[in-house]
Amino acid sequence: MARTGRKQQRVEQPAFTGPKGVTVPQPFNLSRSLVDAYAKPEPKPVHVFKARPVPKSLGIPKVPDKPLVTKTTTFKPFNLRSETLHGEHVEWKEKLLKDKERKETAARHFKARPVSSGVYKPFSPTKAVSPMTNEKVFVLETDMRAEMRAKYDEAMKEKQEEQDRLDEERLKKQAELDALAIKELRQSQ
């Protein structure tokens, strides 16, 4: 909606300069200056296009006549050697694929034939011709080593017991000697 009429503009007067160039402030309205600061600018009117007439000096342009109806162009078929070769190759490929598929289906279709009874006899185990094996007694090296280790362990055990017995006797003698020495010292005091 366009406003009719002119926008009233407030013309501010320049500050009055008194004698000797001293500036004297003019009173102002604070609320009016805030309204002016926050006022929205009025939108500009949208430009409306208006066509201008053709100048008379150029004259009126002449509209060309409609052309006569002519037949549409028809193409004559032509054969390329590459098209025929391609067709032959495609046919050969299809034939190859059909042969391969036929062979695969024939290979997948399996039908067992019965075994003629005159050729094969049913399985039956036969008795062994060779004599039975006899068990041979032999001594393992580990068994001999185990016996030697048992004798060694027994000898070491006896030796250790003898050593323990000798240690006990020595300790008893030492204890007796210590007891006699203490007894002698007590008597001498």
C-alpha atoms as a PDB file:
ATOM      1  CA  MET A   1       0.000   0.000   0.000  1.00  0.00           C
ATOM      2  CA  ALA A   2       1.645   3.167  -1.152  1.00  0.00           C
ATOM      3  CA  ARG A   3       1.261   6.367   0.805  1.00  0.00           C
ATOM      4  CA  THR A   4       0.126   9.357  -0.985  1.00  0.00           C
ATOM      5  CA  GLY A   5       1.593  12.628  -0.039  1.00  0.00           C
ATOM      6  CA  ARG A   6       5.030  13.719   0.828  1.00  0.00           C
ATOM      7  CA  LYS A   7       6.970  12.711   3.841  1.00  0.00           C
ATOM      8  CA  GLN A   8       7.359  15.567   6.202  1.00  0.00           C
ATOM      9  CA  GLN A   9      10.968  16.174   6.885  1.00  0.00           C
ATOM     10  CA  ARG A  10      12.054  18.025   9.956  1.00  0.00           C
ATOM     11  CA  VAL A  11      14.629  20.561   9.134  1.00  0.00           C
ATOM     12  CA  GLU A  12      16.954  21.207  11.985  1.00  0.00           C
ATOM     13  CA  GLN A  13      18.291  24.661  12.406  1.00  0.00           C
ATOM     14  CA  PRO A  14      22.010  25.031  12.720  1.00  0.00           C
ATOM     15  CA  ALA A  15      23.316  25.827  16.169  1.00  0.00           C
ATOM     16  CA  PHE A  16      23.301  29.552  16.809  1.00  0.00           C
ATOM     17  CA  THR A  17      26.676  31.077  17.149  1.00  0.00           C
ATOM     18  CA  GLY A  18      26.646  34.056  19.449  1.00  0.00           C
ATOM     19  CA  PRO A  19      29.089  36.910  19.644  1.00  0.00           C
ATOM     20  CA  LYS A  20      32.768  36.060  19.194  1.00  0.00           C
ATOM     21  CA  GLY A  21      31.990  32.616  17.754  1.00  0.00           C
ATOM     22  CA  VAL A  22      30.672  31.021  20.989  1.00  0.00           C
ATOM     23  CA  THR A  23      28.268  28.184  20.278  1.00  0.00           C
ATOM     24  CA  VAL A  24      24.975  28.274  22.157  1.00  0.00           C
ATOM     25  CA  PRO A  25      23.147  24.917  22.349  1.00  0.00           C
ATOM     26  CA  GLN A  26      19.569  24.647  21.076  1.00  0.00           C
ATOM     27  CA  PRO A  27      17.005  22.823  23.248  1.00  0.00           C
ATOM     28  CA  PHE A  28      15.853  19.454  21.936  1.00  0.00           C
ATOM     29  CA  ASN A  29      13.152  16.896  22.679  1.00  0.00           C
ATOM     30  CA  LEU A  30      14.683  13.569  23.903  1.00  0.00           C
ATOM     31  CA  SER A  31      11.630  11.406  23.135  1.00  0.00           C
ATOM     32  CA  ARG A  32      11.414  12.751  19.571  1.00  0.00           C
ATOM     33  CA  SER A  33      15.106  12.053  18.891  1.00  0.00           C
ATOM     34  CA  LEU A  34      14.686   8.400  20.097  1.00  0.00           C
ATOM     35  CA  VAL A  35      11.682   7.941  17.823  1.00  0.00           C
ATOM     36  CA  ASP A  36      13.709   9.226  14.878  1.00  0.00           C
ATOM     37  CA  ALA A  37      16.615   6.904  15.725  1.00  0.00           C
ATOM     38  CA  TYR A  38      14.443   3.759  15.864  1.00  0.00           C
ATOM     39  CA  ALA A  39      12.054   4.662  13.057  1.00  0.00           C
ATOM     40  CA  LYS A  40      11.885   2.121  10.229  1.00  0.00           C
ATOM     41  CA  PRO A  41      12.773   3.511   6.837  1.00  0.00           C
ATOM     42  CA  GLU A  42       9.864   3.608   4.429  1.00  0.00           C
ATOM     43  CA  PRO A  43      10.222   0.958   1.702  1.00  0.00           C
ATOM     44  CA  LYS A  44      10.961   2.180  -1.808  1.00  0.00           C
ATOM     45  CA  PRO A  45       8.203   1.596  -4.343  1.00  0.00           C
ATOM     46  CA  VAL A  46       8.762  -1.360  -6.645  1.00  0.00           C
ATOM     47  CA  HIS A  47       9.826  -0.356 -10.148  1.00  0.00           C
ATOM     48  CA  VAL A  48       7.109  -1.157 -12.648  1.00  0.00           C
ATOM     49  CA  PHE A  49       8.372  -1.953 -16.126  1.00  0.00           C
ATOM     50  CA  LYS A  50       6.713  -0.018 -18.888  1.00  0.00           C
ATOM     51  CA  ALA A  51       7.574  -0.823 -22.491  1.00  0.00           C
ATOM     52  CA  ARG A  52       8.310   2.058 -24.771  1.00  0.00           C
ATOM     53  CA  PRO A  53       6.797   2.145 -28.235  1.00  0.00           C
ATOM     54  CA  VAL A  54       8.948   1.491 -31.295  1.00  0.00           C
ATOM     55  CA  PRO A  55      10.162   4.776 -32.776  1.00  0.00           C
ATOM     56  CA  LYS A  56       8.309   5.762 -35.904  1.00  0.00           C
ATOM     57  CA  SER A  57      11.572   6.356 -37.708  1.00  0.00           C
ATOM     58  CA  LEU A  58      12.230   2.596 -37.793  1.00  0.00           C
ATOM     59  CA  GLY A  59       8.856   1.674 -39.143  1.00  0.00           C
ATOM     60  CA  ILE A  60       6.702  -1.305 -38.246  1.00  0.00           C
ATOM     61  CA  PRO A  61       8.588  -4.586 -38.389  1.00  0.00           C
ATOM     62  CA  LYS A  62       7.295  -7.097 -40.892  1.00  0.00           C
ATOM     63  CA  VAL A  63       6.302 -10.509 -39.539  1.00  0.00           C
ATOM     64  CA  PRO A  64       7.651 -13.276 -41.807  1.00  0.00           C
ATOM     65  CA  ASP A  65       5.173 -15.559 -43.537  1.00  0.00           C
ATOM     66  CA  LYS A  66       4.762 -19.142 -42.407  1.00  0.00           C
ATOM     67  CA  PRO A  67       6.959 -21.492 -44.404  1.00  0.00           C
ATOM     68  CA  LEU A  68       5.397 -24.033 -46.723  1.00  0.00           C
ATOM     69  CA  VAL A  69       4.889 -27.512 -45.324  1.00  0.00           C
ATOM     70  CA  THR A  70       7.564 -29.844 -46.655  1.00  0.00           C
ATOM     71  CA  LYS A  71       8.031 -33.576 -46.298  1.00  0.00           C
ATOM     72  CA  THR A  72      10.141 -34.748 -43.408  1.00  0.00           C
ATOM     73  CA  THR A  73      13.452 -36.261 -44.269  1.00  0.00           C
ATOM     74  CA  THR A  74      13.427 -40.028 -44.560  1.00  0.00           C
ATOM     75  CA  PHE A  75      16.599 -41.980 -44.091  1.00  0.00           C
ATOM     76  CA  LYS A  76      17.575 -44.808 -46.371  1.00  0.00           C
ATOM     77  CA  PRO A  77      18.843 -47.857 -44.504  1.00  0.00           C
ATOM     78  CA  PHE A  78      22.484 -48.735 -44.953  1.00  0.00           C
ATOM     79  CA  ASN A  79      24.474 -51.714 -43.783  1.00  0.00           C
ATOM     80  CA  LEU A  80      27.794 -51.526 -42.026  1.00  0.00           C
ATOM     81  CA  ARG A  81      30.166 -54.462 -42.048  1.00  0.00           C
ATOM     82  CA  SER A  82      30.835 -53.996 -38.325  1.00  0.00           C
ATOM     83  CA  GLU A  83      27.131 -54.491 -37.540  1.00  0.00           C
ATOM     84  CA  THR A  84      27.006 -57.799 -39.402  1.00  0.00           C
ATOM     85  CA  LEU A  85      30.226 -58.964 -37.724  1.00  0.00           C
ATOM     86  CA  HIS A  86      28.831 -57.982 -34.336  1.00  0.00           C
ATOM     87  CA  GLY A  87      25.609 -59.925 -35.033  1.00  0.00           C
ATOM     88  CA  GLU A  88      27.606 -63.010 -36.035  1.00  0.00           C
ATOM     89  CA  HIS A  89      29.742 -62.741 -32.887  1.00  0.00           C
ATOM     90  CA  VAL A  90      26.650 -62.466 -30.666  1.00  0.00           C
ATOM     91  CA  GLU A  91      25.108 -65.554 -32.318  1.00  0.00           C
ATOM     92  CA  TRP A  92      28.363 -67.508 -31.877  1.00  0.00           C
ATOM     93  CA  LYS A  93      28.517 -66.476 -28.173  1.00  0.00           C
ATOM     94  CA  GLU A  94      24.905 -67.569 -27.574  1.00  0.00           C
ATOM     95  CA  LYS A  95      25.549 -70.923 -29.291  1.00  0.00           C
ATOM     96  CA  LEU A  96      28.671 -71.440 -27.149  1.00  0.00           C
ATOM     97  CA  LEU A  97      26.748 -70.672 -23.939  1.00  0.00           C
ATOM     98  CA  LYS A  98      23.919 -73.047 -24.905  1.00  0.00           C
ATOM     99  CA  ASP A  99      26.396 -75.871 -25.604  1.00  0.00           C
ATOM    100  CA  LYS A 100      28.142 -75.266 -22.277  1.00  0.00           C
ATOM    101  CA  GLU A 101      24.832 -75.236 -20.405  1.00  0.00           C
ATOM    102  CA  ARG A 102      23.695 -78.434 -22.140  1.00  0.00           C
ATOM    103  CA  LYS A 103      26.948 -80.188 -21.159  1.00  0.00           C
ATOM    104  CA  GLU A 104      26.637 -79.007 -17.555  1.00  0.00           C
ATOM    105  CA  THR A 105      23.051 -80.247 -17.242  1.00  0.00           C
ATOM    106  CA  ALA A 106      24.113 -83.607 -18.740  1.00  0.00           C
ATOM    107  CA  ALA A 107      26.972 -83.843 -16.228  1.00  0.00           C
ATOM    108  CA  ARG A 108      24.641 -82.988 -13.330  1.00  0.00           C
ATOM    109  CA  HIS A 109      22.118 -85.615 -14.331  1.00  0.00           C
ATOM    110  CA  PHE A 110      23.649 -88.816 -12.938  1.00  0.00           C
ATOM    111  CA  LYS A 111      21.990 -92.177 -13.089  1.00  0.00           C
ATOM    112  CA  ALA A 112      23.792 -95.132 -11.562  1.00  0.00           C
ATOM    113  CA  ARG A 113      23.724 -98.390 -13.475  1.00  0.00           C
ATOM    114  CA  PRO A 114      23.340-101.649 -11.597  1.00  0.00           C
ATOM    115  CA  VAL A 115      26.441-103.815 -11.132  1.00  0.00           C
ATOM    116  CA  SER A 116      26.173-107.143 -12.913  1.00  0.00           C
ATOM    117  CA  SER A 117      26.321-110.003 -10.411  1.00  0.00           C
ATOM    118  CA  GLY A 118      28.576-112.192 -12.576  1.00  0.00           C
ATOM    119  CA  VAL A 119      31.496-109.741 -12.564  1.00  0.00           C
ATOM    120  CA  TYR A 120      31.823-108.857  -8.881  1.00  0.00           C
ATOM    121  CA  LYS A 121      31.441-111.062  -5.819  1.00  0.00           C
ATOM    122  CA  PRO A 122      30.298-109.592  -2.532  1.00  0.00           C
ATOM    123  CA  PHE A 123      33.064-108.811  -0.067  1.00  0.00           C
ATOM    124  CA  SER A 124      33.977-111.513   2.435  1.00  0.00           C
ATOM    125  CA  PRO A 125      37.121-111.448   4.598  1.00  0.00           C
ATOM    126  CA  THR A 126      39.542-114.354   4.160  1.00  0.00           C
ATOM    127  CA  LYS A 127      41.631-116.126   6.768  1.00  0.00           C
ATOM    128  CA  ALA A 128      45.252-115.033   7.057  1.00  0.00           C
ATOM    129  CA  VAL A 129      47.805-117.343   5.473  1.00  0.00           C
ATOM    130  CA  SER A 130      50.878-116.054   7.346  1.00  0.00           C
ATOM    131  CA  PRO A 131      51.557-117.342  10.886  1.00  0.00           C
ATOM    132  CA  MET A 132      50.650-115.262  13.936  1.00  0.00           C
ATOM    133  CA  THR A 133      53.447-113.118  15.374  1.00  0.00           C
ATOM    134  CA  ASN A 134      55.038-114.249  18.649  1.00  0.00           C
ATOM    135  CA  GLU A 135      55.688-111.845  21.428  1.00  0.00           C
ATOM    136  CA  LYS A 136      59.385-111.222  22.040  1.00  0.00           C
ATOM    137  CA  VAL A 137      60.518-110.208  25.530  1.00  0.00           C
ATOM    138  CA  PHE A 138      62.982-107.347  25.657  1.00  0.00           C
ATOM    139  CA  VAL A 139      64.309-105.034  28.340  1.00  0.00           C
ATOM    140  CA  LEU A 140      63.939-101.311  27.924  1.00  0.00           C
ATOM    141  CA  GLU A 141      66.785 -98.976  28.728  1.00  0.00           C
ATOM    142  CA  THR A 142      64.441 -96.940  30.924  1.00  0.00           C
ATOM    143  CA  ASP A 143      63.693 -99.982  33.102  1.00  0.00           C
ATOM    144  CA  MET A 144      67.431-100.602  33.659  1.00  0.00           C
ATOM    145  CA  ARG A 145      67.946 -96.906  34.430  1.00  0.00           C
ATOM    146  CA  ALA A 146      65.051 -96.993  36.935  1.00  0.00           C
ATOM    147  CA  GLU A 147      66.629 -99.946  38.808  1.00  0.00           C
ATOM    148  CA  MET A 148      70.021 -98.212  38.933  1.00  0.00           C
ATOM    149  CA  ARG A 149      68.364 -95.018  40.196  1.00  0.00           C
ATOM    150  CA  ALA A 150      66.509 -96.942  42.941  1.00  0.00           C
ATOM    151  CA  LYS A 151      69.839 -98.501  44.146  1.00  0.00           C
ATOM    152  CA  TYR A 152      71.506 -95.056  44.059  1.00  0.00           C
ATOM    153  CA  ASP A 153      68.647 -93.479  46.022  1.00  0.00           C
ATOM    154  CA  GLU A 154      68.830 -96.246  48.647  1.00  0.00           C
ATOM    155  CA  ALA A 155      72.615 -95.820  49.023  1.00  0.00           C
ATOM    156  CA  MET A 156      72.221 -92.030  49.366  1.00  0.00           C
ATOM    157  CA  LYS A 157      69.477 -92.497  51.962  1.00  0.00           C
ATOM    158  CA  GLU A 158      71.712 -94.790  54.048  1.00  0.00           C
ATOM    159  CA  LYS A 159      74.613 -92.346  53.722  1.00  0.00           C
ATOM    160  CA  GLN A 160      72.404 -89.434  54.823  1.00  0.00           C
ATOM    161  CA  GLU A 161      71.074 -91.411  57.819  1.00  0.00           C
ATOM    162  CA  GLU A 162      74.667 -92.251  58.847  1.00  0.00           C
ATOM    163  CA  GLN A 163      75.628 -88.552  58.522  1.00  0.00           C
ATOM    164  CA  ASP A 164      72.598 -87.508  60.616  1.00  0.00           C
ATOM    165  CA  ARG A 165      73.472 -90.093  63.300  1.00  0.00           C
ATOM    166  CA  LEU A 166      77.104 -88.891  63.430  1.00  0.00           C
ATOM    167  CA  ASP A 167      75.920 -85.253  63.692  1.00  0.00           C
ATOM    168  CA  GLU A 168      73.616 -86.166  66.596  1.00  0.00           C
ATOM    169  CA  GLU A 169      76.422 -88.001  68.422  1.00  0.00           C
ATOM    170  CA  ARG A 170      78.785 -85.024  67.899  1.00  0.00           C
ATOM    171  CA  LEU A 171      76.127 -82.617  69.210  1.00  0.00           C
ATOM    172  CA  LYS A 172      75.547 -84.853  72.272  1.00  0.00           C
ATOM    173  CA  LYS A 173      79.305 -84.988  72.993  1.00  0.00           C
ATOM    174  CA  GLN A 174      79.545 -81.207  72.546  1.00  0.00           C
ATOM    175  CA  ALA A 175      76.584 -80.690  74.888  1.00  0.00           C
ATOM    176  CA  GLU A 176      78.172 -83.014  77.498  1.00  0.00           C
ATOM    177  CA  LEU A 177      81.506 -81.159  77.184  1.00  0.00           C
ATOM    178  CA  ASP A 178      79.749 -77.809  77.560  1.00  0.00           C
ATOM    179  CA  ALA A 179      77.833 -79.074  80.588  1.00  0.00           C
ATOM    180  CA  LEU A 180      81.110 -80.337  82.216  1.00  0.00           C
ATOM    181  CA  ALA A 181      82.837 -77.018  81.463  1.00  0.00           C
ATOM    182  CA  ILE A 182      79.995 -75.087  83.074  1.00  0.00           C
ATOM    183  CA  LYS A 183      80.004 -77.417  86.067  1.00  0.00           C
ATOM    184  CA  GLU A 184      83.775 -76.934  86.523  1.00  0.00           C
ATOM    185  CA  LEU A 185      83.428 -73.182  86.276  1.00  0.00           C
ATOM    186  CA  ARG A 186      80.689 -73.123  88.905  1.00  0.00           C
ATOM    187  CA  GLN A 187      82.756 -75.263  91.246  1.00  0.00           C
ATOM    188  CA  SER A 188      85.813 -73.083  90.799  1.00  0.00           C
ATOM    189  CA  GLN A 189      83.913 -69.964  91.762  1.00  0.00           C
END
